[in-house]
Amino acid sequence: MALTIKPATRAVLREQLLTELSGIGDIYLAVHEDQSGTALSLRRRYEGCMRLLDDLGWREDDPAEEFPITMEPAPLMRVLARLHERAGEEIEGQLKTAAEERQALWEAMLTVAVCGDVLVELVGTDVEEAMLRYRRERAEAAAFEPEDERP
């Protein structure tokens, strides 16, 4: 089966391969920690990545319009499955982070609204005026604090 890919696909795969290969030093660590099974497993993983990189080209600025993939299907599938899995994990992590950030934003907005309502009840005026008064009082108090005790 002859498989060729276009430059845009190549760019994505190449970048992910290089990211994956950034951990190649783990082979050294595994060998020196007497974990030969782990070292061998890592060597196989990185060997597949480097083999695909051979097909895609090591130079970033390769002008080819198509890139033939000559790897055998089984090792190619292992490499692509690994990249796919890593990208999925990254998506999950980013979505979780985004959800946490949205939650923090929602809580901050709710706090602003609730504090604003209570301030209006407390001082009988609008929130901006109450906040200006608070900041002014805080600045006046800070002027009398020793510098090493200021927030």
C-alpha atoms as a PDB file:
ATOM      1  CA  MET A   1       0.000   0.000   0.000  1.00  0.00           C
ATOM      2  CA  ALA A   2       1.564   3.288  -1.121  1.00  0.00           C
ATOM      3  CA  LEU A   3       0.879   6.067   1.335  1.00  0.00           C
ATOM      4  CA  THR A   4       1.811   9.691   0.723  1.00  0.00           C
ATOM      5  CA  ILE A   5       1.025  12.726   2.815  1.00  0.00           C
ATOM      6  CA  LYS A   6       0.819  16.435   2.094  1.00  0.00           C
ATOM      7  CA  PRO A   7       3.027  19.133   3.673  1.00  0.00           C
ATOM      8  CA  ALA A   8       0.363  20.271   6.179  1.00  0.00           C
ATOM      9  CA  THR A   9      -0.057  16.719   7.498  1.00  0.00           C
ATOM     10  CA  ARG A  10       3.701  16.283   7.532  1.00  0.00           C
ATOM     11  CA  ALA A  11       4.154  19.465   9.579  1.00  0.00           C
ATOM     12  CA  VAL A  12       1.746  18.276  12.283  1.00  0.00           C
ATOM     13  CA  LEU A  13       3.213  14.775  12.457  1.00  0.00           C
ATOM     14  CA  ARG A  14       6.785  16.030  12.392  1.00  0.00           C
ATOM     15  CA  GLU A  15       6.173  18.441  15.270  1.00  0.00           C
ATOM     16  CA  GLN A  16       4.546  15.726  17.364  1.00  0.00           C
ATOM     17  CA  LEU A  17       7.364  13.303  16.592  1.00  0.00           C
ATOM     18  CA  LEU A  18       9.930  15.843  17.729  1.00  0.00           C
ATOM     19  CA  THR A  19       7.953  16.405  20.927  1.00  0.00           C
ATOM     20  CA  GLU A  20       7.830  12.660  21.505  1.00  0.00           C
ATOM     21  CA  LEU A  21      11.559  12.355  20.845  1.00  0.00           C
ATOM     22  CA  SER A  22      12.304  14.987  23.483  1.00  0.00           C
ATOM     23  CA  GLY A  23      12.124  12.183  26.036  1.00  0.00           C
ATOM     24  CA  ILE A  24      14.809  10.070  24.380  1.00  0.00           C
ATOM     25  CA  GLY A  25      17.176  10.729  27.286  1.00  0.00           C
ATOM     26  CA  ASP A  26      14.945   8.474  29.378  1.00  0.00           C
ATOM     27  CA  ILE A  27      16.718   5.523  27.747  1.00  0.00           C
ATOM     28  CA  TYR A  28      19.964   6.633  29.366  1.00  0.00           C
ATOM     29  CA  LEU A  29      18.251   7.002  32.748  1.00  0.00           C
ATOM     30  CA  ALA A  30      16.626   3.575  32.506  1.00  0.00           C
ATOM     31  CA  VAL A  31      19.910   1.885  31.610  1.00  0.00           C
ATOM     32  CA  HIS A  32      21.724   3.555  34.506  1.00  0.00           C
ATOM     33  CA  GLU A  33      18.924   2.620  36.892  1.00  0.00           C
ATOM     34  CA  ASP A  34      19.294  -1.002  35.755  1.00  0.00           C
ATOM     35  CA  GLN A  35      15.830  -1.058  34.149  1.00  0.00           C
ATOM     36  CA  SER A  36      16.743  -2.821  30.934  1.00  0.00           C
ATOM     37  CA  GLY A  37      13.136  -3.739  30.078  1.00  0.00           C
ATOM     38  CA  THR A  38      12.085  -0.108  30.241  1.00  0.00           C
ATOM     39  CA  ALA A  39      15.141   0.966  28.242  1.00  0.00           C
ATOM     40  CA  LEU A  40      14.364  -1.587  25.506  1.00  0.00           C
ATOM     41  CA  SER A  41      10.706  -0.530  25.358  1.00  0.00           C
ATOM     42  CA  LEU A  42      11.720   3.120  25.036  1.00  0.00           C
ATOM     43  CA  ARG A  43      14.268   2.285  22.337  1.00  0.00           C
ATOM     44  CA  ARG A  44      11.548   0.569  20.287  1.00  0.00           C
ATOM     45  CA  ARG A  45       9.207   3.529  20.723  1.00  0.00           C
ATOM     46  CA  TYR A  46      11.817   6.072  19.692  1.00  0.00           C
ATOM     47  CA  GLU A  47      13.076   3.866  16.883  1.00  0.00           C
ATOM     48  CA  GLY A  48       9.601   3.993  15.303  1.00  0.00           C
ATOM     49  CA  CYS A  49       9.460   7.758  15.735  1.00  0.00           C
ATOM     50  CA  MET A  50      12.854   8.216  14.120  1.00  0.00           C
ATOM     51  CA  ARG A  51      11.948   5.847  11.305  1.00  0.00           C
ATOM     52  CA  LEU A  52       8.829   7.911  10.514  1.00  0.00           C
ATOM     53  CA  LEU A  53      10.920  11.061  10.758  1.00  0.00           C
ATOM     54  CA  ASP A  54      13.211   9.544   8.124  1.00  0.00           C
ATOM     55  CA  ASP A  55      10.194   9.369   5.791  1.00  0.00           C
ATOM     56  CA  LEU A  56       8.928  12.843   6.669  1.00  0.00           C
ATOM     57  CA  GLY A  57      12.343  14.433   6.449  1.00  0.00           C
ATOM     58  CA  TRP A  58      14.445  15.806   9.231  1.00  0.00           C
ATOM     59  CA  ARG A  59      14.622  19.317   7.774  1.00  0.00           C
ATOM     60  CA  GLU A  60      11.789  21.605   8.757  1.00  0.00           C
ATOM     61  CA  ASP A  61      11.781  23.463   5.434  1.00  0.00           C
ATOM     62  CA  ASP A  62      11.558  20.487   3.050  1.00  0.00           C
ATOM     63  CA  PRO A  63      10.001  21.833  -0.190  1.00  0.00           C
ATOM     64  CA  ALA A  64       8.466  18.516  -1.333  1.00  0.00           C
ATOM     65  CA  GLU A  65       4.784  18.549  -2.273  1.00  0.00           C
ATOM     66  CA  GLU A  66       4.232  14.959  -1.157  1.00  0.00           C
ATOM     67  CA  PHE A  67       5.974  12.702   1.313  1.00  0.00           C
ATOM     68  CA  PRO A  68       5.909   8.950   0.670  1.00  0.00           C
ATOM     69  CA  ILE A  69       5.662   6.844   3.805  1.00  0.00           C
ATOM     70  CA  THR A  70       7.754   3.701   3.407  1.00  0.00           C
ATOM     71  CA  MET A  71       7.419   2.315   6.941  1.00  0.00           C
ATOM     72  CA  GLU A  72       5.805  -1.056   7.377  1.00  0.00           C
ATOM     73  CA  PRO A  73       2.145  -0.733   8.462  1.00  0.00           C
ATOM     74  CA  ALA A  74       2.513  -2.342  11.920  1.00  0.00           C
ATOM     75  CA  PRO A  75       5.256  -0.054  13.277  1.00  0.00           C
ATOM     76  CA  LEU A  76       3.625   2.940  11.588  1.00  0.00           C
ATOM     77  CA  MET A  77       0.342   2.120  13.304  1.00  0.00           C
ATOM     78  CA  ARG A  78       2.114   1.872  16.681  1.00  0.00           C
ATOM     79  CA  VAL A  79       3.730   5.291  16.223  1.00  0.00           C
ATOM     80  CA  LEU A  80       0.512   6.937  15.046  1.00  0.00           C
ATOM     81  CA  ALA A  81      -1.509   5.305  17.839  1.00  0.00           C
ATOM     82  CA  ARG A  82       0.985   6.653  20.390  1.00  0.00           C
ATOM     83  CA  LEU A  83       0.853  10.180  18.931  1.00  0.00           C
ATOM     84  CA  HIS A  84      -2.944   9.958  18.811  1.00  0.00           C
ATOM     85  CA  GLU A  85      -3.078   8.868  22.454  1.00  0.00           C
ATOM     86  CA  ARG A  86      -0.727  11.663  23.576  1.00  0.00           C
ATOM     87  CA  ALA A  87      -2.738  14.280  21.675  1.00  0.00           C
ATOM     88  CA  GLY A  88      -5.954  12.965  23.256  1.00  0.00           C
ATOM     89  CA  GLU A  89      -4.406  13.252  26.705  1.00  0.00           C
ATOM     90  CA  GLU A  90      -3.355  16.823  25.915  1.00  0.00           C
ATOM     91  CA  ILE A  91      -6.889  17.697  24.809  1.00  0.00           C
ATOM     92  CA  GLU A  92      -8.335  16.212  28.005  1.00  0.00           C
ATOM     93  CA  GLY A  93      -5.855  18.161  30.120  1.00  0.00           C
ATOM     94  CA  GLN A  94      -6.578  21.416  28.306  1.00  0.00           C
ATOM     95  CA  LEU A  95     -10.337  20.918  28.616  1.00  0.00           C
ATOM     96  CA  LYS A  96     -10.007  20.220  32.336  1.00  0.00           C
ATOM     97  CA  THR A  97      -7.872  23.339  32.790  1.00  0.00           C
ATOM     98  CA  ALA A  98     -10.357  25.409  30.786  1.00  0.00           C
ATOM     99  CA  ALA A  99     -13.242  24.083  32.892  1.00  0.00           C
ATOM    100  CA  GLU A 100     -11.375  24.922  36.103  1.00  0.00           C
ATOM    101  CA  GLU A 101     -10.620  28.416  34.801  1.00  0.00           C
ATOM    102  CA  ARG A 102     -14.277  28.922  33.834  1.00  0.00           C
ATOM    103  CA  GLN A 103     -15.314  27.799  37.320  1.00  0.00           C
ATOM    104  CA  ALA A 104     -12.867  30.234  38.947  1.00  0.00           C
ATOM    105  CA  LEU A 105     -14.125  33.041  36.701  1.00  0.00           C
ATOM    106  CA  TRP A 106     -17.740  32.208  37.571  1.00  0.00           C
ATOM    107  CA  GLU A 107     -16.921  32.233  41.293  1.00  0.00           C
ATOM    108  CA  ALA A 108     -15.135  35.579  40.988  1.00  0.00           C
ATOM    109  CA  MET A 109     -18.054  37.092  39.068  1.00  0.00           C
ATOM    110  CA  LEU A 110     -20.501  35.752  41.641  1.00  0.00           C
ATOM    111  CA  THR A 111     -18.388  37.199  44.460  1.00  0.00           C
ATOM    112  CA  VAL A 112     -18.340  40.614  42.760  1.00  0.00           C
ATOM    113  CA  ALA A 113     -22.123  40.535  42.370  1.00  0.00           C
ATOM    114  CA  VAL A 114     -22.820  39.359  45.927  1.00  0.00           C
ATOM    115  CA  CYS A 115     -20.353  41.775  47.525  1.00  0.00           C
ATOM    116  CA  GLY A 116     -21.758  44.583  45.391  1.00  0.00           C
ATOM    117  CA  ASP A 117     -25.306  43.829  46.548  1.00  0.00           C
ATOM    118  CA  VAL A 118     -24.248  43.715  50.203  1.00  0.00           C
ATOM    119  CA  LEU A 119     -22.217  46.931  49.850  1.00  0.00           C
ATOM    120  CA  VAL A 120     -25.232  48.713  48.367  1.00  0.00           C
ATOM    121  CA  GLU A 121     -27.373  47.557  51.297  1.00  0.00           C
ATOM    122  CA  LEU A 122     -24.673  48.463  53.793  1.00  0.00           C
ATOM    123  CA  VAL A 123     -23.826  51.948  52.589  1.00  0.00           C
ATOM    124  CA  GLY A 124     -27.026  52.815  50.790  1.00  0.00           C
ATOM    125  CA  THR A 125     -25.233  53.961  47.658  1.00  0.00           C
ATOM    126  CA  ASP A 126     -23.855  52.554  44.444  1.00  0.00           C
ATOM    127  CA  VAL A 127     -21.014  50.044  44.416  1.00  0.00           C
ATOM    128  CA  GLU A 128     -18.501  52.296  42.636  1.00  0.00           C
ATOM    129  CA  GLU A 129     -18.847  54.978  45.299  1.00  0.00           C
ATOM    130  CA  ALA A 130     -18.528  52.402  48.084  1.00  0.00           C
ATOM    131  CA  MET A 131     -15.407  50.937  46.445  1.00  0.00           C
ATOM    132  CA  LEU A 132     -13.863  54.389  46.045  1.00  0.00           C
ATOM    133  CA  ARG A 133     -14.480  55.037  49.728  1.00  0.00           C
ATOM    134  CA  TYR A 134     -12.958  51.641  50.642  1.00  0.00           C
ATOM    135  CA  ARG A 135      -9.843  52.239  48.517  1.00  0.00           C
ATOM    136  CA  ARG A 136      -9.394  55.730  49.925  1.00  0.00           C
ATOM    137  CA  GLU A 137      -9.650  54.435  53.512  1.00  0.00           C
ATOM    138  CA  ARG A 138      -7.248  51.611  52.706  1.00  0.00           C
ATOM    139  CA  ALA A 139      -4.718  54.025  51.182  1.00  0.00           C
ATOM    140  CA  GLU A 140      -4.954  56.314  54.198  1.00  0.00           C
ATOM    141  CA  ALA A 141      -4.409  53.389  56.573  1.00  0.00           C
ATOM    142  CA  ALA A 142      -1.466  52.131  54.515  1.00  0.00           C
ATOM    143  CA  ALA A 143       0.213  55.522  54.774  1.00  0.00           C
ATOM    144  CA  PHE A 144       0.555  54.971  58.537  1.00  0.00           C
ATOM    145  CA  GLU A 145       1.807  51.349  58.335  1.00  0.00           C
ATOM    146  CA  PRO A 146       5.524  50.608  58.389  1.00  0.00           C
ATOM    147  CA  GLU A 147       6.677  49.682  54.866  1.00  0.00           C
ATOM    148  CA  ASP A 148       7.657  46.134  55.800  1.00  0.00           C
ATOM    149  CA  GLU A 149       4.061  45.395  56.955  1.00  0.00           C
ATOM    150  CA  ARG A 150       2.295  46.642  53.836  1.00  0.00           C
ATOM    151  CA  PRO A 151       0.556  44.057  51.656  1.00  0.00           C
END
